[in-house]
Full PDB file with SEQRES, HELIX, SHEET, SSBOND, CRYST1, ORIGX, SCALE, CONECT and MASTER records, all heavy atoms in Angstrom:
SEQRES   1 A   30  ARG GLN ASN GLN ILE ARG THR VAL LEU ARG GLU LYS LEU          
SEQRES   2 A   30  GLY THR ASP ALA GLN GLN VAL GLY VAL LEU LEU THR TYR          
SEQRES   3 A   30  THR PRO ASP GLU                                              
HELIX    1 AA1 GLN A    2  LEU A   13  1                                  12    
HELIX    2 AA2 GLY A   14  GLN A   19  5                                   6    
CRYST1    1.000    1.000    1.000  90.00  90.00  90.00 P 1           1          
ORIGX1      1.000000  0.000000  0.000000        0.00000                         
ORIGX2      0.000000  1.000000  0.000000        0.00000                         
ORIGX3      0.000000  0.000000  1.000000        0.00000                         
SCALE1      1.000000  0.000000  0.000000        0.00000                         
SCALE2      0.000000  1.000000  0.000000        0.00000                         
SCALE3      0.000000  0.000000  1.000000        0.00000                         
ATOM      1  N   ARG A   1      -2.467 165.374 -34.148  1.00  0.00           N  
ATOM      2  CA  ARG A   1      -3.486 164.334 -33.975  1.00  0.00           C  
ATOM      3  C   ARG A   1      -4.099 164.426 -32.577  1.00  0.00           C  
ATOM      4  O   ARG A   1      -5.321 164.394 -32.420  1.00  0.00           O  
ATOM      5  CB  ARG A   1      -2.881 162.943 -34.179  1.00  0.00           C  
ATOM      6  CG  ARG A   1      -2.389 162.698 -35.587  1.00  0.00           C  
ATOM      7  CD  ARG A   1      -1.667 161.372 -35.659  1.00  0.00           C  
ATOM      8  NE  ARG A   1      -1.055 161.158 -36.959  1.00  0.00           N  
ATOM      9  CZ  ARG A   1      -0.511 160.019 -37.335  1.00  0.00           C  
ATOM     10  NH1 ARG A   1      -0.501 158.973 -36.516  1.00  0.00           N  
ATOM     11  NH2 ARG A   1       0.015 159.899 -38.529  1.00  0.00           N  
ATOM     12  N   GLN A   2      -3.238 164.533 -31.574  1.00  0.00           N  
ATOM     13  CA  GLN A   2      -3.717 164.633 -30.196  1.00  0.00           C  
ATOM     14  C   GLN A   2      -4.559 165.887 -29.992  1.00  0.00           C  
ATOM     15  O   GLN A   2      -5.581 165.851 -29.305  1.00  0.00           O  
ATOM     16  CB  GLN A   2      -2.537 164.619 -29.211  1.00  0.00           C  
ATOM     17  CG  GLN A   2      -1.829 163.296 -29.116  1.00  0.00           C  
ATOM     18  CD  GLN A   2      -2.714 162.184 -28.589  1.00  0.00           C  
ATOM     19  OE1 GLN A   2      -3.524 162.385 -27.689  1.00  0.00           O  
ATOM     20  NE2 GLN A   2      -2.560 161.001 -29.152  1.00  0.00           N  
ATOM     21  N   ASN A   3      -4.129 166.984 -30.589  1.00  0.00           N  
ATOM     22  CA  ASN A   3      -4.900 168.222 -30.467  1.00  0.00           C  
ATOM     23  C   ASN A   3      -6.292 168.076 -31.061  1.00  0.00           C  
ATOM     24  O   ASN A   3      -7.269 168.579 -30.490  1.00  0.00           O  
ATOM     25  CB  ASN A   3      -4.154 169.391 -31.117  1.00  0.00           C  
ATOM     26  CG  ASN A   3      -2.980 169.863 -30.291  1.00  0.00           C  
ATOM     27  OD1 ASN A   3      -2.912 169.631 -29.091  1.00  0.00           O  
ATOM     28  ND2 ASN A   3      -2.036 170.527 -30.937  1.00  0.00           N  
ATOM     29  N   GLN A   4      -6.403 167.418 -32.194  1.00  0.00           N  
ATOM     30  CA  GLN A   4      -7.722 167.197 -32.803  1.00  0.00           C  
ATOM     31  C   GLN A   4      -8.618 166.386 -31.878  1.00  0.00           C  
ATOM     32  O   GLN A   4      -9.770 166.744 -31.643  1.00  0.00           O  
ATOM     33  CB  GLN A   4      -7.591 166.470 -34.146  1.00  0.00           C  
ATOM     34  CG  GLN A   4      -7.104 167.333 -35.271  1.00  0.00           C  
ATOM     35  CD  GLN A   4      -7.133 166.594 -36.603  1.00  0.00           C  
ATOM     36  OE1 GLN A   4      -7.457 165.405 -36.679  1.00  0.00           O  
ATOM     37  NE2 GLN A   4      -6.780 167.294 -37.656  1.00  0.00           N  
ATOM     38  N   ILE A   5      -8.080 165.297 -31.360  1.00  0.00           N  
ATOM     39  CA  ILE A   5      -8.849 164.423 -30.470  1.00  0.00           C  
ATOM     40  C   ILE A   5      -9.257 165.179 -29.204  1.00  0.00           C  
ATOM     41  O   ILE A   5     -10.425 165.171 -28.798  1.00  0.00           O  
ATOM     42  CB  ILE A   5      -8.010 163.176 -30.089  1.00  0.00           C  
ATOM     43  CG1 ILE A   5      -7.677 162.357 -31.316  1.00  0.00           C  
ATOM     44  CG2 ILE A   5      -8.674 162.365 -28.984  1.00  0.00           C  
ATOM     45  CD1 ILE A   5      -8.649 161.312 -31.697  1.00  0.00           C  
ATOM     46  N   ARG A   6      -8.300 165.825 -28.577  1.00  0.00           N  
ATOM     47  CA  ARG A   6      -8.562 166.538 -27.319  1.00  0.00           C  
ATOM     48  C   ARG A   6      -9.574 167.659 -27.496  1.00  0.00           C  
ATOM     49  O   ARG A   6     -10.428 167.880 -26.639  1.00  0.00           O  
ATOM     50  CB  ARG A   6      -7.265 167.105 -26.740  1.00  0.00           C  
ATOM     51  CG  ARG A   6      -6.309 166.045 -26.298  1.00  0.00           C  
ATOM     52  CD  ARG A   6      -6.665 165.578 -24.915  1.00  0.00           C  
ATOM     53  NE  ARG A   6      -5.870 164.403 -24.593  1.00  0.00           N  
ATOM     54  CZ  ARG A   6      -6.273 163.457 -23.814  1.00  0.00           C  
ATOM     55  NH1 ARG A   6      -7.468 163.496 -23.267  1.00  0.00           N  
ATOM     56  NH2 ARG A   6      -5.522 162.417 -23.559  1.00  0.00           N  
ATOM     57  N   THR A   7      -9.472 168.394 -28.598  1.00  0.00           N  
ATOM     58  CA  THR A   7     -10.408 169.500 -28.846  1.00  0.00           C  
ATOM     59  C   THR A   7     -11.840 168.987 -28.915  1.00  0.00           C  
ATOM     60  O   THR A   7     -12.745 169.539 -28.286  1.00  0.00           O  
ATOM     61  CB  THR A   7     -10.033 170.241 -30.146  1.00  0.00           C  
ATOM     62  OG1 THR A   7      -8.733 170.819 -29.977  1.00  0.00           O  
ATOM     63  CG2 THR A   7     -11.041 171.327 -30.471  1.00  0.00           C  
ATOM     64  N   VAL A   8     -12.050 167.923 -29.661  1.00  0.00           N  
ATOM     65  CA  VAL A   8     -13.399 167.357 -29.799  1.00  0.00           C  
ATOM     66  C   VAL A   8     -13.911 166.851 -28.460  1.00  0.00           C  
ATOM     67  O   VAL A   8     -15.057 167.123 -28.082  1.00  0.00           O  
ATOM     68  CB  VAL A   8     -13.403 166.225 -30.859  1.00  0.00           C  
ATOM     69  CG1 VAL A   8     -14.684 165.433 -30.805  1.00  0.00           C  
ATOM     70  CG2 VAL A   8     -13.182 166.802 -32.243  1.00  0.00           C  
ATOM     71  N   LEU A   9     -13.077 166.132 -27.732  1.00  0.00           N  
ATOM     72  CA  LEU A   9     -13.515 165.586 -26.448  1.00  0.00           C  
ATOM     73  C   LEU A   9     -13.824 166.692 -25.442  1.00  0.00           C  
ATOM     74  O   LEU A   9     -14.818 166.611 -24.711  1.00  0.00           O  
ATOM     75  CB  LEU A   9     -12.481 164.617 -25.891  1.00  0.00           C  
ATOM     76  CG  LEU A   9     -12.339 163.307 -26.674  1.00  0.00           C  
ATOM     77  CD1 LEU A   9     -11.213 162.465 -26.098  1.00  0.00           C  
ATOM     78  CD2 LEU A   9     -13.646 162.529 -26.711  1.00  0.00           C  
ATOM     79  N   ARG A  10     -13.012 167.746 -25.408  1.00  0.00           N  
ATOM     80  CA  ARG A  10     -13.288 168.858 -24.490  1.00  0.00           C  
ATOM     81  C   ARG A  10     -14.589 169.568 -24.860  1.00  0.00           C  
ATOM     82  O   ARG A  10     -15.360 169.949 -23.980  1.00  0.00           O  
ATOM     83  CB  ARG A  10     -12.131 169.857 -24.481  1.00  0.00           C  
ATOM     84  CG  ARG A  10     -11.005 169.463 -23.553  1.00  0.00           C  
ATOM     85  CD  ARG A  10     -10.014 170.597 -23.338  1.00  0.00           C  
ATOM     86  NE  ARG A  10      -9.453 171.111 -24.577  1.00  0.00           N  
ATOM     87  CZ  ARG A  10      -8.322 170.688 -25.110  1.00  0.00           C  
ATOM     88  NH1 ARG A  10      -7.620 169.744 -24.532  1.00  0.00           N  
ATOM     89  NH2 ARG A  10      -7.876 171.219 -26.231  1.00  0.00           N  
ATOM     90  N   GLU A  11     -14.831 169.751 -26.176  1.00  0.00           N  
ATOM     91  CA  GLU A  11     -16.062 170.415 -26.611  1.00  0.00           C  
ATOM     92  C   GLU A  11     -17.295 169.620 -26.212  1.00  0.00           C  
ATOM     93  O   GLU A  11     -18.306 170.195 -25.824  1.00  0.00           O  
ATOM     94  CB  GLU A  11     -16.049 170.611 -28.130  1.00  0.00           C  
ATOM     95  CG  GLU A  11     -15.118 171.688 -28.608  1.00  0.00           C  
ATOM     96  CD  GLU A  11     -15.046 171.754 -30.129  1.00  0.00           C  
ATOM     97  OE1 GLU A  11     -15.702 170.938 -30.823  1.00  0.00           O  
ATOM     98  OE2 GLU A  11     -14.300 172.616 -30.626  1.00  0.00           O  
ATOM     99  N   LYS A  12     -17.226 168.310 -26.312  1.00  0.00           N  
ATOM    100  CA  LYS A  12     -18.398 167.469 -26.075  1.00  0.00           C  
ATOM    101  C   LYS A  12     -18.543 167.018 -24.629  1.00  0.00           C  
ATOM    102  O   LYS A  12     -19.655 166.844 -24.154  1.00  0.00           O  
ATOM    103  CB  LYS A  12     -18.357 166.237 -26.985  1.00  0.00           C  
ATOM    104  CG  LYS A  12     -18.347 166.562 -28.462  1.00  0.00           C  
ATOM    105  CD  LYS A  12     -19.627 167.230 -28.886  1.00  0.00           C  
ATOM    106  CE  LYS A  12     -19.621 167.483 -30.385  1.00  0.00           C  
ATOM    107  NZ  LYS A  12     -20.820 168.166 -30.812  1.00  0.00           N  
ATOM    108  N   LEU A  13     -17.427 166.818 -23.932  1.00  0.00           N  
ATOM    109  CA  LEU A  13     -17.486 166.276 -22.577  1.00  0.00           C  
ATOM    110  C   LEU A  13     -17.246 167.307 -21.482  1.00  0.00           C  
ATOM    111  O   LEU A  13     -17.489 167.023 -20.310  1.00  0.00           O  
ATOM    112  CB  LEU A  13     -16.453 165.150 -22.413  1.00  0.00           C  
ATOM    113  CG  LEU A  13     -16.678 163.894 -23.230  1.00  0.00           C  
ATOM    114  CD1 LEU A  13     -15.498 162.948 -23.065  1.00  0.00           C  
ATOM    115  CD2 LEU A  13     -17.978 163.211 -22.840  1.00  0.00           C  
ATOM    116  N   GLY A  14     -16.729 168.456 -21.849  1.00  0.00           N  
ATOM    117  CA  GLY A  14     -16.402 169.452 -20.834  1.00  0.00           C  
ATOM    118  C   GLY A  14     -15.333 168.925 -19.893  1.00  0.00           C  
ATOM    119  O   GLY A  14     -14.376 168.285 -20.315  1.00  0.00           O  
ATOM    120  N   THR A  15     -15.527 169.133 -18.601  1.00  0.00           N  
ATOM    121  CA  THR A  15     -14.516 168.715 -17.629  1.00  0.00           C  
ATOM    122  C   THR A  15     -14.378 167.196 -17.541  1.00  0.00           C  
ATOM    123  O   THR A  15     -13.344 166.693 -17.103  1.00  0.00           O  
ATOM    124  CB  THR A  15     -14.821 169.280 -16.223  1.00  0.00           C  
ATOM    125  OG1 THR A  15     -16.117 168.852 -15.824  1.00  0.00           O  
ATOM    126  CG2 THR A  15     -14.760 170.802 -16.225  1.00  0.00           C  
ATOM    127  N   ASP A  16     -15.395 166.451 -17.970  1.00  0.00           N  
ATOM    128  CA  ASP A  16     -15.300 164.992 -17.972  1.00  0.00           C  
ATOM    129  C   ASP A  16     -14.211 164.495 -18.924  1.00  0.00           C  
ATOM    130  O   ASP A  16     -13.755 163.356 -18.802  1.00  0.00           O  
ATOM    131  CB  ASP A  16     -16.635 164.354 -18.341  1.00  0.00           C  
ATOM    132  CG  ASP A  16     -17.644 164.447 -17.212  1.00  0.00           C  
ATOM    133  OD1 ASP A  16     -17.238 164.684 -16.054  1.00  0.00           O  
ATOM    134  OD2 ASP A  16     -18.850 164.277 -17.491  1.00  0.00           O  
ATOM    135  N   ALA A  17     -13.784 165.335 -19.859  1.00  0.00           N  
ATOM    136  CA  ALA A  17     -12.717 164.943 -20.792  1.00  0.00           C  
ATOM    137  C   ALA A  17     -11.427 164.639 -20.049  1.00  0.00           C  
ATOM    138  O   ALA A  17     -10.561 163.932 -20.573  1.00  0.00           O  
ATOM    139  CB  ALA A  17     -12.489 166.031 -21.835  1.00  0.00           C  
ATOM    140  N   GLN A  18     -11.297 165.123 -18.821  1.00  0.00           N  
ATOM    141  CA  GLN A  18     -10.103 164.853 -18.028  1.00  0.00           C  
ATOM    142  C   GLN A  18      -9.981 163.377 -17.678  1.00  0.00           C  
ATOM    143  O   GLN A  18      -8.901 162.917 -17.320  1.00  0.00           O  
ATOM    144  CB  GLN A  18     -10.111 165.700 -16.759  1.00  0.00           C  
ATOM    145  CG  GLN A  18     -10.009 167.176 -17.040  1.00  0.00           C  
ATOM    146  CD  GLN A  18     -10.190 168.027 -15.796  1.00  0.00           C  
ATOM    147  OE1 GLN A  18     -10.490 167.517 -14.723  1.00  0.00           O  
ATOM    148  NE2 GLN A  18     -10.009 169.323 -15.942  1.00  0.00           N  
ATOM    149  N   GLN A  19     -11.068 162.633 -17.777  1.00  0.00           N  
ATOM    150  CA  GLN A  19     -11.037 161.195 -17.502  1.00  0.00           C  
ATOM    151  C   GLN A  19     -10.341 160.408 -18.623  1.00  0.00           C  
ATOM    152  O   GLN A  19      -9.996 159.255 -18.448  1.00  0.00           O  
ATOM    153  CB  GLN A  19     -12.455 160.645 -17.322  1.00  0.00           C  
ATOM    154  CG  GLN A  19     -13.090 161.056 -16.014  1.00  0.00           C  
ATOM    155  CD  GLN A  19     -12.338 160.466 -14.840  1.00  0.00           C  
ATOM    156  OE1 GLN A  19     -11.567 161.142 -14.179  1.00  0.00           O  
ATOM    157  NE2 GLN A  19     -12.544 159.201 -14.565  1.00  0.00           N  
ATOM    158  N   VAL A  20     -10.180 161.056 -19.780  1.00  0.00           N  
ATOM    159  CA  VAL A  20      -9.552 160.387 -20.920  1.00  0.00           C  
ATOM    160  C   VAL A  20      -8.048 160.590 -20.825  1.00  0.00           C  
ATOM    161  O   VAL A  20      -7.546 161.712 -20.845  1.00  0.00           O  
ATOM    162  CB  VAL A  20     -10.089 160.930 -22.258  1.00  0.00           C  
ATOM    163  CG1 VAL A  20      -9.427 160.203 -23.423  1.00  0.00           C  
ATOM    164  CG2 VAL A  20     -11.607 160.785 -22.318  1.00  0.00           C  
ATOM    165  N   GLY A  21      -7.343 159.473 -20.695  1.00  0.00           N  
ATOM    166  CA  GLY A  21      -5.887 159.512 -20.619  1.00  0.00           C  
ATOM    167  C   GLY A  21      -5.276 159.420 -22.005  1.00  0.00           C  
ATOM    168  O   GLY A  21      -5.693 160.107 -22.935  1.00  0.00           O  
ATOM    169  N   VAL A  22      -4.343 158.529 -22.148  1.00  0.00           N  
ATOM    170  CA  VAL A  22      -3.613 158.381 -23.401  1.00  0.00           C  
ATOM    171  C   VAL A  22      -4.473 157.659 -24.439  1.00  0.00           C  
ATOM    172  O   VAL A  22      -4.974 156.564 -24.182  1.00  0.00           O  
ATOM    173  CB  VAL A  22      -2.306 157.597 -23.178  1.00  0.00           C  
ATOM    174  CG1 VAL A  22      -1.594 157.343 -24.495  1.00  0.00           C  
ATOM    175  CG2 VAL A  22      -1.405 158.335 -22.214  1.00  0.00           C  
ATOM    176  N   LEU A  23      -4.632 158.301 -25.585  1.00  0.00           N  
ATOM    177  CA  LEU A  23      -5.229 157.655 -26.754  1.00  0.00           C  
ATOM    178  C   LEU A  23      -4.180 157.734 -27.856  1.00  0.00           C  
ATOM    179  O   LEU A  23      -3.933 158.800 -28.420  1.00  0.00           O  
ATOM    180  CB  LEU A  23      -6.518 158.372 -27.196  1.00  0.00           C  
ATOM    181  CG  LEU A  23      -7.713 158.250 -26.277  1.00  0.00           C  
ATOM    182  CD1 LEU A  23      -8.892 159.046 -26.836  1.00  0.00           C  
ATOM    183  CD2 LEU A  23      -8.116 156.802 -26.070  1.00  0.00           C  
ATOM    184  N   LEU A  24      -3.536 156.620 -28.122  1.00  0.00           N  
ATOM    185  CA  LEU A  24      -2.533 156.581 -29.175  1.00  0.00           C  
ATOM    186  C   LEU A  24      -3.233 156.714 -30.522  1.00  0.00           C  
ATOM    187  O   LEU A  24      -4.339 156.205 -30.705  1.00  0.00           O  
ATOM    188  CB  LEU A  24      -1.745 155.282 -29.102  1.00  0.00           C  
ATOM    189  CG  LEU A  24      -1.014 155.042 -27.780  1.00  0.00           C  
ATOM    190  CD1 LEU A  24      -0.384 153.660 -27.781  1.00  0.00           C  
ATOM    191  CD2 LEU A  24       0.018 156.113 -27.518  1.00  0.00           C  
ATOM    192  N   THR A  25      -2.588 157.391 -31.464  1.00  0.00           N  
ATOM    193  CA  THR A  25      -3.198 157.637 -32.768  1.00  0.00           C  
ATOM    194  C   THR A  25      -2.340 157.024 -33.873  1.00  0.00           C  
ATOM    195  O   THR A  25      -1.115 157.165 -33.870  1.00  0.00           O  
ATOM    196  CB  THR A  25      -3.355 159.146 -33.022  1.00  0.00           C  
ATOM    197  OG1 THR A  25      -2.068 159.771 -32.972  1.00  0.00           O  
ATOM    198  CG2 THR A  25      -4.277 159.786 -32.002  1.00  0.00           C  
ATOM    199  N   TYR A  26      -3.017 156.357 -34.794  1.00  0.00           N  
ATOM    200  CA  TYR A  26      -2.343 155.715 -35.919  1.00  0.00           C  
ATOM    201  C   TYR A  26      -3.162 155.904 -37.191  1.00  0.00           C  
ATOM    202  O   TYR A  26      -4.387 156.025 -37.131  1.00  0.00           O  
ATOM    203  CB  TYR A  26      -2.204 154.198 -35.701  1.00  0.00           C  
ATOM    204  CG  TYR A  26      -1.483 153.811 -34.452  1.00  0.00           C  
ATOM    205  CD1 TYR A  26      -2.179 153.372 -33.325  1.00  0.00           C  
ATOM    206  CD2 TYR A  26      -0.093 153.879 -34.372  1.00  0.00           C  
ATOM    207  CE1 TYR A  26      -1.520 153.005 -32.165  1.00  0.00           C  
ATOM    208  CE2 TYR A  26       0.572 153.511 -33.209  1.00  0.00           C  
ATOM    209  CZ  TYR A  26      -0.148 153.077 -32.122  1.00  0.00           C  
ATOM    210  OH  TYR A  26       0.507 152.727 -30.969  1.00  0.00           O  
ATOM    211  N   THR A  27      -2.480 155.856 -38.326  1.00  0.00           N  
ATOM    212  CA  THR A  27      -3.171 155.696 -39.596  1.00  0.00           C  
ATOM    213  C   THR A  27      -3.286 154.193 -39.838  1.00  0.00           C  
ATOM    214  O   THR A  27      -2.551 153.409 -39.224  1.00  0.00           O  
ATOM    215  CB  THR A  27      -2.387 156.337 -40.765  1.00  0.00           C  
ATOM    216  OG1 THR A  27      -1.164 155.616 -40.942  1.00  0.00           O  
ATOM    217  CG2 THR A  27      -2.133 157.811 -40.528  1.00  0.00           C  
ATOM    218  N   PRO A  28      -4.169 153.766 -40.743  1.00  0.00           N  
ATOM    219  CA  PRO A  28      -4.236 152.330 -41.047  1.00  0.00           C  
ATOM    220  C   PRO A  28      -2.884 151.776 -41.520  1.00  0.00           C  
ATOM    221  O   PRO A  28      -2.508 150.666 -41.143  1.00  0.00           O  
ATOM    222  CB  PRO A  28      -5.299 152.249 -42.142  1.00  0.00           C  
ATOM    223  CG  PRO A  28      -6.185 153.422 -41.876  1.00  0.00           C  
ATOM    224  CD  PRO A  28      -5.245 154.519 -41.405  1.00  0.00           C  
ATOM    225  N   ASP A  29      -2.152 152.545 -42.315  1.00  0.00           N  
ATOM    226  CA  ASP A  29      -0.842 152.091 -42.805  1.00  0.00           C  
ATOM    227  C   ASP A  29       0.152 151.921 -41.666  1.00  0.00           C  
ATOM    228  O   ASP A  29       0.939 150.973 -41.647  1.00  0.00           O  
ATOM    229  CB  ASP A  29      -0.284 153.046 -43.860  1.00  0.00           C  
ATOM    230  CG  ASP A  29      -1.027 152.979 -45.174  1.00  0.00           C  
ATOM    231  OD1 ASP A  29      -1.761 151.990 -45.419  1.00  0.00           O  
ATOM    232  OD2 ASP A  29      -0.901 153.939 -45.972  1.00  0.00           O  
ATOM    233  N   GLU A  30       0.144 152.855 -40.716  1.00  0.00           N  
ATOM    234  CA  GLU A  30       1.051 152.744 -39.566  1.00  0.00           C  
ATOM    235  C   GLU A  30       0.727 151.517 -38.734  1.00  0.00           C  
ATOM    236  O   GLU A  30       1.636 150.796 -38.319  1.00  0.00           O  
ATOM    237  CB  GLU A  30       0.945 153.999 -38.702  1.00  0.00           C  
ATOM    238  CG  GLU A  30       1.523 155.240 -39.348  1.00  0.00           C  
ATOM    239  CD  GLU A  30       1.153 156.517 -38.636  1.00  0.00           C  
ATOM    240  OE1 GLU A  30       0.211 156.518 -37.791  1.00  0.00           O  
ATOM    241  OE2 GLU A  30       1.797 157.540 -38.922  1.00  0.00           O  
TER     242      GLU A  30                                                      
MASTER        0    0    0    2    0    0    0    6  241    1    0    3          
END                                                                             
């Protein structure tokens, strides 16, 4: 999950993606 999020953010934000810290990931059921 983290890899998916990080990949997209790095592709779109470049080095600015480093400003994004922890993004916890959940499914609706979780």
